[in-house]
Structure formats: C-alpha cells, structure tokens
Amino acid sequence: MAQVPAKYIRPGRIVRQIANPILVAAMRLGISVWGSRILEVRGRRSGVVRRAPVNLLCYEGREYLVSPRGDTQWARNVRADNGRLVLVLGRRRVERTVTELANEEKPPVLRAYLRRWKMEVGQFFEGVGPDADDEELLRIAREHPVFILDGHR
C-alpha cells in the first residue's frame, strides 16, 4: 500500500454519538445519502469487525474511498487487512479489495471528491476546494488516504 499520511482528525462527540449512528441506521435500511455506505473492516489489533460510514465516490468509471479526516482508524485497518473490506447498504453486502493510490495520483480524485462533498468535509482539507490547482491538491494529498476499489471477491 502507499504512503502513510501524517494526520488524523478525530470526530467530535456529536458526530460519533448522533450523526454517524443516524447515517448508519439509514444505510442499514438501504437509504444511501449521496453514495454513502457502511464500511466494514477487521480491526488490526482486535480482529473484531469495525464499521464506519464512508462516501463512495464514482469517478471516471471507477470507485474510490477517500479518508477526509486523514489517517483514520478505518484506513489503518484496511491497510492492515491487505485492502480487504465490505461495503454495506441495506441487506446488500459487497466484499471488495482496494489499493491505496500514490500521492501523485490523488489530485483528480480529491478534486472530484471535494466537488461532490465539500459542504460535508471541506473543513478537513485546509481550505483547499474543488477549484484548486493540481499543485494545491498535491500539497494536501499525503494527508488524505485514497483507495481505489479493485473488484468484487
């Protein structure tokens, strides 16, 4: 897998205790909010399945997961489990593998991600938005893991 980002912005209590549980409940009912899914991945230390809401980005015919908060627990767990994960929406569970992109590959994906979800996640990108040039996006790329979904297992 690619380079390890330097930062992690931990979700606040309101996000952890209110917003994420509401999103997860909606996704368990099969309701996706702009491409959201429940990501399931085995914990790297405990081996217990961990769940997190993520935004699945479809860009130029491929699917991507971006970690806007940086080197999150789910990103670390995905790396530790050799890119294996499950995406859940309602009763549909899809096993996938991912490959982490190198920093140089991230700018167009980050731009597309910000174009779609800037209102929700823009605060985590140091003021960089979808209209930023590649140089600005490359500057912040190392702090935001980006995974491309390889295929179904």
Protein backbone atom coordinates (compact mmCIF):
# COMPACT_ATOMS: atom_id res chain seq x y z
CA MET A 1 0.00 0.00 0.00
CA ALA A 2 1.04 3.64 -0.46
CA GLN A 3 2.49 6.28 1.86
CA VAL A 4 1.14 6.67 5.39
CA PRO A 5 -0.47 10.11 5.96
CA ALA A 6 0.60 12.21 8.90
CA LYS A 7 -2.63 13.48 10.46
CA TYR A 8 -5.92 12.24 11.81
CA ILE A 9 -8.82 14.48 12.81
CA ARG A 10 -10.87 12.56 15.34
CA PRO A 11 -14.65 13.00 15.01
CA GLY A 12 -16.27 15.03 17.75
CA ARG A 13 -18.83 13.67 20.16
CA ILE A 14 -21.83 14.92 18.16
CA VAL A 15 -20.58 13.17 15.02
CA ARG A 16 -19.74 9.95 16.91
CA GLN A 17 -22.87 9.78 19.05
CA ILE A 18 -25.54 11.40 16.85
CA ALA A 19 -24.68 11.98 13.18
CA ASN A 20 -22.87 8.72 12.41
CA PRO A 21 -25.43 6.49 14.17
CA ILE A 22 -28.26 8.20 12.23
CA LEU A 23 -26.38 7.71 8.94
CA VAL A 24 -25.61 4.09 9.77
CA ALA A 25 -29.27 3.42 10.68
CA ALA A 26 -30.40 4.91 7.35
CA MET A 27 -27.88 2.83 5.41
CA ARG A 28 -28.96 -0.33 7.26
CA LEU A 29 -32.45 0.44 5.95
CA GLY A 30 -30.99 0.72 2.45
CA ILE A 31 -31.04 4.52 2.28
CA SER A 32 -27.85 5.98 0.85
CA VAL A 33 -27.11 9.68 1.29
CA TRP A 34 -25.18 10.75 -1.84
CA GLY A 35 -23.37 7.45 -2.21
CA SER A 36 -22.80 6.68 1.47
CA ARG A 37 -22.10 3.12 2.58
CA ILE A 38 -21.20 1.32 5.76
CA LEU A 39 -17.60 0.16 5.54
CA GLU A 40 -16.78 -2.99 7.46
CA VAL A 41 -13.18 -3.99 8.07
CA ARG A 42 -11.46 -6.23 10.57
CA GLY A 43 -9.72 -4.34 13.40
CA ARG A 44 -5.97 -4.57 13.04
CA ARG A 45 -5.38 -5.40 16.71
CA SER A 46 -8.60 -6.99 17.94
CA GLY A 47 -9.71 -8.78 14.78
CA VAL A 48 -13.25 -7.58 15.56
CA VAL A 49 -15.24 -6.18 12.63
CA ARG A 50 -15.32 -2.38 12.78
CA ARG A 51 -17.89 -0.22 10.98
CA ALA A 52 -17.72 3.34 9.71
CA PRO A 53 -19.85 5.41 7.35
CA VAL A 54 -17.97 6.36 4.18
CA ASN A 55 -18.73 8.21 0.94
CA LEU A 56 -18.27 6.02 -2.12
CA LEU A 57 -17.04 8.17 -4.99
CA CYS A 58 -17.73 7.09 -8.57
CA TYR A 59 -15.29 8.91 -10.83
CA GLU A 60 -14.44 8.18 -14.46
CA GLY A 61 -15.91 4.69 -14.28
CA ARG A 62 -14.05 3.64 -11.10
CA GLU A 63 -14.97 3.66 -7.42
CA TYR A 64 -12.90 5.30 -4.69
CA LEU A 65 -12.88 5.75 -0.94
CA VAL A 66 -11.31 8.93 0.40
CA SER A 67 -10.48 9.49 4.05
CA PRO A 68 -11.18 13.20 4.57
CA ARG A 69 -10.15 13.12 8.24
CA GLY A 70 -6.69 11.79 7.42
CA ASP A 71 -5.17 8.55 8.63
CA THR A 72 -8.38 7.26 10.21
CA GLN A 73 -8.84 4.02 12.07
CA TRP A 74 -10.72 2.54 9.11
CA ALA A 75 -7.88 3.46 6.71
CA ARG A 76 -5.31 1.87 9.04
CA ASN A 77 -7.46 -1.24 9.39
CA VAL A 78 -7.89 -1.56 5.62
CA ARG A 79 -4.13 -1.38 5.14
CA ALA A 80 -3.56 -3.97 7.87
CA ASP A 81 -6.09 -6.36 6.29
CA ASN A 82 -4.39 -6.23 2.86
CA GLY A 83 -7.04 -3.97 1.36
CA ARG A 84 -9.99 -6.24 2.18
CA LEU A 85 -13.27 -4.64 3.19
CA VAL A 86 -17.03 -4.97 2.88
CA LEU A 87 -19.40 -2.21 1.75
CA VAL A 88 -22.93 -2.46 3.11
CA LEU A 89 -26.17 -0.80 2.06
CA GLY A 90 -29.36 -2.32 3.41
CA ARG A 91 -29.12 -6.10 3.07
CA ARG A 92 -26.57 -5.85 0.28
CA ARG A 93 -23.02 -6.69 1.36
CA VAL A 94 -20.28 -6.46 -1.24
CA GLU A 95 -16.79 -7.77 -0.47
CA ARG A 96 -14.10 -5.72 -2.18
CA THR A 97 -10.39 -5.19 -2.20
CA VAL A 98 -8.74 -1.80 -2.52
CA THR A 99 -5.37 -0.41 -3.49
CA GLU A 100 -4.11 2.82 -1.99
CA LEU A 101 -3.16 5.49 -4.51
CA ALA A 102 0.22 7.17 -4.51
CA ASN A 103 0.13 10.89 -3.69
CA GLU A 104 0.83 11.85 -7.32
CA GLU A 105 -2.33 10.01 -8.41
CA LYS A 106 -4.66 11.68 -5.92
CA PRO A 107 -5.32 15.24 -7.20
CA PRO A 108 -8.06 14.46 -9.76
CA VAL A 109 -9.80 12.11 -7.32
CA LEU A 110 -9.57 14.62 -4.45
CA ARG A 111 -10.99 17.31 -6.76
CA ALA A 112 -13.94 15.09 -7.70
CA TYR A 113 -14.49 14.17 -4.04
CA LEU A 114 -14.46 17.81 -2.96
CA ARG A 115 -16.76 18.74 -5.83
CA ARG A 116 -19.29 16.23 -4.53
CA TRP A 117 -18.93 16.54 -0.72
CA LYS A 118 -17.22 19.87 0.03
CA MET A 119 -20.16 21.05 2.17
CA GLU A 120 -19.78 17.97 4.38
CA VAL A 121 -15.98 17.51 4.51
CA GLY A 122 -14.39 20.72 3.22
CA GLN A 123 -13.26 21.72 6.71
CA PHE A 124 -10.75 18.84 6.74
CA PHE A 125 -8.90 19.99 3.59
CA GLU A 126 -7.12 23.12 4.88
CA GLY A 127 -9.23 25.48 2.77
CA VAL A 128 -8.44 23.62 -0.45
CA GLY A 129 -11.53 23.18 -2.61
CA PRO A 130 -12.55 21.57 -5.88
CA ASP A 131 -11.31 24.53 -7.92
CA ALA A 132 -7.76 24.29 -6.56
CA ASP A 133 -4.95 23.59 -9.00
CA ASP A 134 -3.13 20.27 -9.01
CA GLU A 135 -0.23 21.73 -7.04
CA GLU A 136 -2.50 22.66 -4.11
CA LEU A 137 -4.20 19.28 -4.20
CA LEU A 138 -0.85 17.53 -4.34
CA ARG A 139 0.28 19.54 -1.29
CA ILE A 140 -2.54 18.08 0.84
CA ALA A 141 -2.61 14.64 -0.82
CA ARG A 142 -0.29 12.94 1.67
CA GLU A 143 -2.72 13.74 4.48
CA HIS A 144 -5.74 12.08 2.86
CA PRO A 145 -5.63 8.37 2.04
CA VAL A 146 -7.38 7.49 -1.22
CA PHE A 147 -8.24 3.91 -2.12
CA ILE A 148 -9.40 2.62 -5.48
CA LEU A 149 -11.75 -0.33 -5.34
CA ASP A 150 -10.30 -3.20 -7.32
CA GLY A 151 -13.20 -5.53 -7.72
CA HIS A 152 -15.63 -7.98 -6.22
CA ARG A 153 -14.43 -11.01 -4.32
